[in-house]
Amino acid sequence: MLEKWPLGLRLYRPSDSPRSMQLRPGYQFEQIENSTDCYRFSAVTDTPGVLSLFEQSTLLFSDTAFFILEFYPEERREEALHEGAAPTVFYSPYMPIDEMLEELAPYMHRLIHDGFVGFGIANNRSGLELFFSEEKVLTCFTGNHIRTMDLFSRQGLSYRKNLVYPTDFAHDHLSLMCFRPQELPPELSQHSPEDLDYGRFCQELVDHFDMYPVEGNVSFFLSEKEQDQIAKRLESHPRLSEYAEEDFGAFLYDWIDFARECQEGFGGDLLEYRQCLSIRDLIQYVAEGVADSLADKLLSIVAEADEQLRSRFAPKSRRLDAPEDPDLASERFWYHGVVRDAGPTLRRDLIRSGLYG
C-alpha cells in the first residue's frame, strides 16, 4: 500500500468496488501510437518515490533539460474548480539538469503534494520526458524502455498488468492551503500559509526559471531515433545543416503558432512573414527525405495549422514568389496567397510590393 500519498488528491472508494481495487506501487508501459520506438510509462508511487525518481532522473537525461510546470494562474483559479478545466502549461529554457534539480529542491514537496500542480522535466532532442501530474500519476515518455524499467526497478516499482490508478477512484483536488499546520507532513509544516499558496510558489518558479506559457492543446512526441533521422536529412543540405542539432519540435510549434497568429492578425512586416513561411519549407524538406512513417507523422502534426493558414488567404492577394532553395517536390501552398488578417505593417509592405489589392 501507499502510506505517504500526496495530500492534494483525496481518494474515495466506491461502495460497489471490489476488494482487489487497491492503490499499490507499480507501472505499466505501452508503445506510443504511430511510433516504432517511443514508449509511454505510467507509474503509481508515493511521495518518497516521486522525490527519488526525480533525484535519479540524471540516469535517464543528458546534461541539459527544461522544466515543465502546470498550474492555474491567479486569473484562472476559478477554472480549477470545474471538471475538465485545463491548467496553463509553462516551459523553461534548457539548462544543466543538476543545476535545475538543485534549485527545485526547496519546492519539491509543495509541487508533489498540491492537488492543482503538475510538473516535470524534458529534453526533446533526446526524446525524454518525466512528468508528475495533478492526478498524481508519474508518466515517462522515452525511446529507451530498458533504461526506464531499470530506473523504476531501482525505486522498488514493478510491472503490474492490472495497475490501479488514482483516477479509478472518486477524488477531490485540494490545495495545500486547505490543511491546518498539524495536518501537514513535517517538511511542509514550517511553511507560512503564503508559501503554501500554489499560485504564489508556482509564479516564483515561473519568474526564477524565466518560463513562458505554451499552447496546451498541441501534443506530440519525437523520439531520439526520429530526431536522428531528421538531423541526418538536414545535414544533407548545405544551408539547412546548421539546424541539424536543434530540437525539431520547436520548428513544428513555431509553425503552429504562426498559423494561429495569422488568424488573429499578423503583426510583423513582409520580411518576418516570409521568414515564418520558411519554417514550413524546412518542415517540408525534412518530410520529403525521411521514412514515410515519420513523414506522415510530421505532416499530421502541422495539418491543422496548414488548413488554418489556407483558410485565411485574402481573396485578392497574389502569390508570393517561393524561394528556389530548398528544392521541394511538393507544391508549396503557403506561398499561394497572403492572409487577409494582415496588420498595418504587413499590409503596407504588401501594397508597396503590389501583392495586395
Protein backbone atom coordinates (compact mmCIF):
# COMPACT_ATOMS: atom_id res chain seq x y z
CA MET A 1 0.00 0.00 0.00
CA LEU A 2 0.98 3.63 -0.43
CA GLU A 3 1.11 5.18 3.03
CA LYS A 4 2.71 8.54 2.14
CA TRP A 5 0.28 9.55 -0.57
CA PRO A 6 0.34 13.23 -1.71
CA LEU A 7 -2.13 15.31 0.28
CA GLY A 8 -3.60 17.17 -2.68
CA LEU A 9 -5.57 14.25 -4.13
CA ARG A 10 -8.14 12.77 -1.73
CA LEU A 11 -9.48 9.42 -2.91
CA TYR A 12 -12.88 7.85 -2.18
CA ARG A 13 -13.55 4.16 -2.64
CA PRO A 14 -16.82 3.48 -4.47
CA SER A 15 -19.16 1.38 -2.31
CA ASP A 16 -19.50 -1.24 -5.02
CA SER A 17 -15.77 -1.52 -5.80
CA PRO A 18 -14.09 -4.93 -5.46
CA ARG A 19 -11.76 -5.57 -2.54
CA SER A 20 -8.95 -6.16 -5.04
CA MET A 21 -9.11 -2.48 -6.04
CA GLN A 22 -6.10 -1.22 -4.12
CA LEU A 23 -3.67 1.58 -4.86
CA ARG A 24 -0.31 -0.16 -5.00
CA PRO A 25 3.07 0.97 -6.35
CA GLY A 26 3.89 -0.18 -9.85
CA TYR A 27 3.98 0.78 -13.50
CA GLN A 28 2.66 -0.08 -16.94
CA PHE A 29 4.03 0.83 -20.34
CA GLU A 30 2.88 0.82 -23.93
CA GLN A 31 4.20 1.77 -27.32
CA ILE A 32 3.06 5.20 -28.45
CA GLU A 33 0.72 5.19 -31.42
CA ASN A 34 2.33 5.89 -34.82
CA SER A 35 5.81 5.21 -33.49
CA THR A 36 8.06 2.18 -33.60
CA ASP A 37 10.42 3.18 -30.78
CA CYS A 38 8.53 5.51 -28.41
CA TYR A 39 7.06 4.28 -25.14
CA ARG A 40 4.76 5.77 -22.52
CA PHE A 41 5.32 4.61 -18.95
CA SER A 42 2.66 5.30 -16.32
CA ALA A 43 3.61 4.76 -12.70
CA VAL A 44 1.94 5.00 -9.30
CA THR A 45 4.15 5.68 -6.32
CA ASP A 46 4.17 7.68 -3.09
CA THR A 47 5.82 10.97 -2.20
CA PRO A 48 9.27 9.48 -1.36
CA GLY A 49 9.12 7.52 -4.61
CA VAL A 50 8.45 10.62 -6.70
CA LEU A 51 11.25 12.50 -4.95
CA SER A 52 13.69 9.69 -5.53
CA LEU A 53 12.76 9.26 -9.20
CA PHE A 54 13.38 12.93 -9.93
CA GLU A 55 16.63 12.87 -7.96
CA GLN A 56 17.77 9.86 -10.02
CA SER A 57 16.46 11.23 -13.33
CA THR A 58 20.02 12.17 -14.31
CA LEU A 59 20.40 8.45 -15.13
CA LEU A 60 17.93 8.99 -17.98
CA PHE A 61 18.71 12.50 -19.15
CA SER A 62 21.73 14.01 -20.80
CA ASP A 63 23.39 17.12 -19.38
CA THR A 64 20.53 19.53 -20.06
CA ALA A 65 16.74 19.61 -19.82
CA PHE A 66 13.89 22.09 -19.48
CA PHE A 67 11.41 22.37 -16.64
CA ILE A 68 7.65 21.93 -17.20
CA LEU A 69 5.10 23.45 -14.83
CA GLU A 70 1.30 23.20 -14.98
CA PHE A 71 -0.91 25.25 -12.68
CA TYR A 72 -3.78 27.72 -12.66
CA PRO A 73 -2.53 31.33 -12.50
CA GLU A 74 -4.46 33.79 -10.37
CA GLU A 75 -6.69 34.95 -13.22
CA ARG A 76 -7.70 31.33 -13.98
CA ARG A 77 -8.00 29.99 -10.46
CA GLU A 78 -11.80 29.72 -10.57
CA GLU A 79 -11.49 27.41 -13.59
CA ALA A 80 -9.58 24.90 -11.46
CA LEU A 81 -12.80 24.14 -9.59
CA HIS A 82 -14.59 22.95 -12.73
CA GLU A 83 -14.23 19.43 -14.05
CA GLY A 84 -12.34 19.30 -17.33
CA ALA A 85 -10.60 22.63 -16.86
CA ALA A 86 -7.03 22.57 -18.15
CA PRO A 87 -4.15 24.33 -16.38
CA THR A 88 -1.73 26.70 -18.09
CA VAL A 89 1.48 24.98 -19.19
CA PHE A 90 4.85 26.71 -18.81
CA TYR A 91 8.27 25.70 -20.19
CA SER A 92 11.66 26.93 -19.08
CA PRO A 93 14.68 27.32 -21.36
CA TYR A 94 17.15 24.41 -21.43
CA MET A 95 19.61 24.40 -18.55
CA PRO A 96 22.01 21.97 -16.83
CA ILE A 97 19.86 19.33 -15.17
CA ASP A 98 21.95 19.17 -12.00
CA GLU A 99 21.54 22.91 -11.54
CA MET A 100 17.80 22.67 -12.20
CA LEU A 101 17.24 19.91 -9.63
CA GLU A 102 19.26 21.81 -7.03
CA GLU A 103 17.15 24.93 -7.50
CA LEU A 104 13.92 22.92 -7.45
CA ALA A 105 14.77 21.12 -4.19
CA PRO A 106 13.14 23.70 -1.84
CA TYR A 107 9.89 23.44 -3.85
CA MET A 108 9.66 19.68 -4.46
CA HIS A 109 7.38 18.72 -1.56
CA ARG A 110 4.99 21.55 -2.39
CA LEU A 111 4.96 20.58 -6.08
CA ILE A 112 4.28 16.94 -5.27
CA HIS A 113 1.61 17.45 -2.61
CA ASP A 114 -0.52 20.25 -4.06
CA GLY A 115 -3.58 18.99 -5.93
CA PHE A 116 -3.59 21.76 -8.53
CA VAL A 117 0.01 21.45 -9.73
CA GLY A 118 1.80 19.22 -12.24
CA PHE A 119 5.50 19.38 -13.07
CA GLY A 120 8.25 17.60 -14.95
CA ILE A 121 11.50 17.75 -16.89
CA ALA A 122 12.15 17.03 -20.55
CA ASN A 123 14.73 17.02 -23.31
CA ASN A 124 13.05 16.89 -26.70
CA ARG A 125 16.25 16.28 -28.64
CA SER A 126 16.84 13.15 -26.53
CA GLY A 127 13.19 12.13 -26.75
CA LEU A 128 12.63 12.11 -22.98
CA GLU A 129 10.00 13.50 -20.61
CA LEU A 130 9.32 12.73 -16.94
CA PHE A 131 6.13 14.29 -15.58
CA PHE A 132 4.11 14.10 -12.34
CA SER A 133 0.53 15.24 -12.96
CA GLU A 134 -2.02 16.91 -10.73
CA GLU A 135 -3.75 13.49 -10.80
CA LYS A 136 -0.61 12.19 -9.03
CA VAL A 137 0.41 9.80 -11.80
CA LEU A 138 4.01 9.73 -12.98
CA THR A 139 4.48 9.41 -16.74
CA CYS A 140 7.66 8.93 -18.71
CA PHE A 141 7.91 9.26 -22.49
CA THR A 142 11.07 7.63 -23.77
CA GLY A 143 12.75 5.80 -26.60
CA ASN A 144 14.82 3.72 -24.16
CA HIS A 145 12.37 1.49 -22.30
CA ILE A 146 15.09 -0.77 -20.89
CA ARG A 147 16.84 2.08 -19.09
CA THR A 148 13.50 3.36 -17.78
CA MET A 149 12.49 -0.07 -16.45
CA ASP A 150 15.87 -0.30 -14.73
CA LEU A 151 15.33 3.08 -13.06
CA PHE A 152 11.85 2.09 -11.89
CA SER A 153 13.17 -1.22 -10.58
CA ARG A 154 15.78 0.63 -8.52
CA GLN A 155 12.93 2.53 -6.88
CA GLY A 156 11.06 -0.66 -5.99
CA LEU A 157 8.47 -0.30 -8.77
CA SER A 158 7.49 -3.45 -10.66
CA TYR A 159 5.31 -4.02 -13.70
CA ARG A 160 1.63 -4.57 -12.89
CA LYS A 161 -0.67 -5.77 -15.63
CA ASN A 162 -3.76 -4.54 -13.76
CA LEU A 163 -2.38 -1.38 -12.22
CA VAL A 164 -4.96 0.69 -10.34
CA TYR A 165 -4.66 4.45 -10.89
CA PRO A 166 -5.84 7.30 -8.66
CA THR A 167 -8.32 8.28 -11.37
CA ASP A 168 -10.05 4.90 -10.92
CA PHE A 169 -11.38 6.31 -7.63
CA ALA A 170 -13.69 9.21 -6.98
CA HIS A 171 -11.41 12.00 -5.84
CA ASP A 172 -11.09 15.64 -4.83
CA HIS A 173 -8.25 18.01 -5.66
CA LEU A 174 -7.06 20.05 -2.68
CA SER A 175 -4.73 23.00 -2.35
CA LEU A 176 -2.18 22.86 0.46
CA MET A 177 -3.91 25.90 1.93
CA CYS A 178 -6.86 23.64 2.80
CA PHE A 179 -4.87 21.97 5.59
CA ARG A 180 -4.16 23.05 9.15
CA PRO A 181 -0.44 23.07 10.10
CA GLN A 182 -0.82 19.92 12.22
CA GLU A 183 -2.22 18.04 9.20
CA LEU A 184 0.83 18.76 7.07
CA PRO A 185 3.89 16.50 6.87
CA PRO A 186 7.00 17.81 8.71
CA GLU A 187 8.63 19.04 5.50
CA LEU A 188 5.65 21.39 4.90
CA SER A 189 4.54 22.32 8.41
CA GLN A 190 7.14 25.08 8.77
CA HIS A 191 5.93 26.95 5.70
CA SER A 192 3.73 30.01 6.07
CA PRO A 193 0.24 29.97 4.51
CA GLU A 194 1.52 32.32 1.81
CA ASP A 195 4.34 29.92 0.95
CA LEU A 196 1.80 27.10 0.57
CA ASP A 197 -0.29 29.05 -1.95
CA TYR A 198 0.35 27.27 -5.25
CA GLY A 199 -0.30 30.45 -7.21
CA ARG A 200 2.48 32.15 -5.31
CA PHE A 201 5.17 29.45 -5.29
CA CYS A 202 4.46 28.46 -8.89
CA GLN A 203 4.76 32.05 -10.01
CA GLU A 204 8.08 32.23 -8.14
CA LEU A 205 9.28 29.29 -10.26
CA VAL A 206 7.99 30.86 -13.48
CA ASP A 207 9.92 34.03 -12.70
CA HIS A 208 13.03 32.25 -11.45
CA PHE A 209 13.38 29.95 -14.47
CA ASP A 210 12.20 32.61 -16.96
CA MET A 211 9.39 30.30 -18.07
CA TYR A 212 6.90 31.02 -20.85
CA PRO A 213 3.36 29.70 -21.47
CA VAL A 214 2.79 27.18 -24.25
CA GLU A 215 -0.34 26.07 -26.04
CA GLY A 216 -1.62 23.03 -24.16
CA ASN A 217 -3.87 21.53 -26.87
CA VAL A 218 -1.00 20.63 -29.23
CA SER A 219 0.77 17.44 -28.18
CA PHE A 220 3.29 15.26 -29.98
CA PHE A 221 6.43 13.33 -29.17
CA LEU A 222 9.53 12.75 -31.30
CA SER A 223 11.88 10.01 -30.16
CA GLU A 224 15.64 10.33 -30.24
CA LYS A 225 15.78 7.99 -33.26
CA GLU A 226 13.24 10.14 -35.09
CA GLN A 227 15.22 13.25 -34.22
CA ASP A 228 18.34 11.50 -35.56
CA GLN A 229 16.55 10.83 -38.87
CA ILE A 230 15.59 14.49 -39.07
CA ALA A 231 19.14 15.62 -38.25
CA LYS A 232 20.58 13.36 -40.97
CA ARG A 233 18.20 14.85 -43.54
CA LEU A 234 19.07 18.41 -42.54
CA GLU A 235 22.79 17.64 -42.63
CA SER A 236 22.41 16.72 -46.31
CA HIS A 237 21.64 20.35 -47.19
CA PRO A 238 24.49 22.92 -47.09
CA ARG A 239 22.34 25.75 -45.78
CA LEU A 240 19.97 23.79 -43.50
CA SER A 241 22.68 21.73 -41.82
CA GLU A 242 23.05 24.43 -39.14
CA TYR A 243 19.64 23.33 -37.78
CA ALA A 244 20.54 19.63 -37.55
CA GLU A 245 21.26 19.57 -33.83
CA GLU A 246 18.32 21.74 -32.78
CA ASP A 247 15.07 20.42 -31.34
CA PHE A 248 12.93 19.96 -34.44
CA GLY A 249 9.79 20.05 -32.31
CA ALA A 250 10.42 23.77 -31.79
CA PHE A 251 10.02 24.38 -35.54
CA LEU A 252 6.73 22.49 -35.55
CA TYR A 253 5.47 24.60 -32.64
CA ASP A 254 6.69 27.77 -34.40
CA TRP A 255 4.63 26.93 -37.49
CA ILE A 256 1.55 26.17 -35.39
CA ASP A 257 1.98 29.46 -33.53
CA PHE A 258 2.40 31.36 -36.81
CA ALA A 259 -0.83 29.92 -38.23
CA ARG A 260 -2.65 30.86 -35.03
CA GLU A 261 -1.25 34.39 -35.16
CA CYS A 262 -2.43 34.75 -38.75
CA GLN A 263 -5.98 34.06 -37.57
CA GLU A 264 -5.76 36.83 -35.02
CA GLY A 265 -3.83 39.31 -37.18
CA PHE A 266 -0.17 39.01 -38.17
CA GLY A 267 1.70 41.90 -36.59
CA GLY A 268 5.06 41.71 -38.36
CA ASP A 269 6.30 43.02 -41.70
CA LEU A 270 6.71 41.21 -45.01
CA LEU A 271 10.24 40.06 -44.21
CA GLU A 272 9.07 38.48 -40.95
CA TYR A 273 6.12 36.89 -42.76
CA ARG A 274 8.47 35.32 -45.31
CA GLN A 275 10.75 34.09 -42.52
CA CYS A 276 7.78 32.32 -40.96
CA LEU A 277 6.92 30.70 -44.30
CA SER A 278 10.50 29.40 -44.49
CA ILE A 279 9.77 27.32 -41.39
CA ARG A 280 7.22 25.39 -43.46
CA ASP A 281 9.86 24.98 -46.20
CA LEU A 282 12.14 23.42 -43.59
CA ILE A 283 9.42 21.04 -42.37
CA GLN A 284 8.58 20.01 -45.94
CA TYR A 285 12.23 19.43 -46.81
CA VAL A 286 12.57 17.07 -43.87
CA ALA A 287 9.29 15.28 -44.65
CA GLU A 288 10.43 14.60 -48.23
CA GLY A 289 13.63 12.91 -47.09
CA VAL A 290 12.77 10.70 -44.10
CA ALA A 291 10.93 7.40 -43.74
CA ASP A 292 7.29 7.50 -44.82
CA SER A 293 6.05 6.78 -41.30
CA LEU A 294 7.94 9.76 -39.87
CA ALA A 295 6.96 12.00 -42.79
CA ASP A 296 3.29 11.16 -42.24
CA LYS A 297 3.70 11.90 -38.53
CA LEU A 298 5.31 15.30 -39.11
CA LEU A 299 2.75 16.37 -41.69
CA SER A 300 -0.13 15.23 -39.48
CA ILE A 301 1.23 17.43 -36.66
CA VAL A 302 1.08 20.55 -38.84
CA ALA A 303 -2.04 19.58 -40.82
CA GLU A 304 -4.45 21.65 -38.74
CA ALA A 305 -2.14 24.68 -38.83
CA ASP A 306 -1.82 24.27 -42.61
CA GLU A 307 -5.58 24.35 -43.00
CA GLN A 308 -5.89 27.35 -40.67
CA LEU A 309 -3.44 29.32 -42.81
CA ARG A 310 -5.01 28.23 -46.10
CA SER A 311 -8.44 29.32 -44.91
CA ARG A 312 -7.18 32.82 -44.06
CA PHE A 313 -5.84 33.76 -47.52
CA ALA A 314 -7.29 37.03 -48.77
CA PRO A 315 -9.32 36.58 -51.98
CA LYS A 316 -7.50 39.39 -53.84
CA SER A 317 -3.98 38.66 -52.66
CA ARG A 318 -1.39 37.45 -55.13
CA ARG A 319 1.03 34.58 -54.78
CA LEU A 320 4.39 35.18 -53.21
CA ASP A 321 7.50 34.01 -55.05
CA ALA A 322 8.70 30.81 -53.41
CA PRO A 323 12.46 30.55 -52.92
CA GLU A 324 14.31 28.07 -55.12
CA ASP A 325 16.27 26.81 -52.13
CA PRO A 326 15.42 24.35 -50.77
CA ASP A 327 14.25 22.49 -53.86
CA LEU A 328 11.00 20.77 -52.92
CA ALA A 329 8.94 18.23 -54.84
CA SER A 330 5.62 19.27 -53.31
CA GLU A 331 3.55 22.28 -54.27
CA ARG A 332 4.03 24.96 -51.60
CA PHE A 333 0.52 26.16 -50.89
CA TRP A 334 1.78 28.52 -48.17
CA TYR A 335 3.05 30.88 -50.90
CA HIS A 336 -0.27 30.80 -52.81
CA GLY A 337 -1.63 33.90 -51.12
CA VAL A 338 -1.33 36.24 -48.19
CA VAL A 339 -3.53 36.22 -45.10
CA ARG A 340 -6.37 38.72 -45.04
CA ASP A 341 -5.86 39.45 -41.33
CA ALA A 342 -2.66 41.38 -42.03
CA GLY A 343 -1.62 44.00 -39.54
CA PRO A 344 -0.88 47.55 -40.73
CA THR A 345 2.85 46.93 -41.22
CA LEU A 346 2.39 43.81 -43.34
CA ARG A 347 -0.47 45.39 -45.28
CA ARG A 348 1.71 48.42 -46.04
CA ASP A 349 4.58 46.23 -47.31
CA LEU A 350 2.19 44.13 -49.41
CA ILE A 351 0.61 47.17 -51.05
CA ARG A 352 4.04 48.65 -51.80
CA SER A 353 5.10 45.33 -53.34
CA GLY A 354 1.95 45.11 -55.44
CA LEU A 355 0.88 41.94 -53.68
CA TYR A 356 -2.29 43.18 -52.04
CA GLY A 357 -5.22 44.89 -53.67
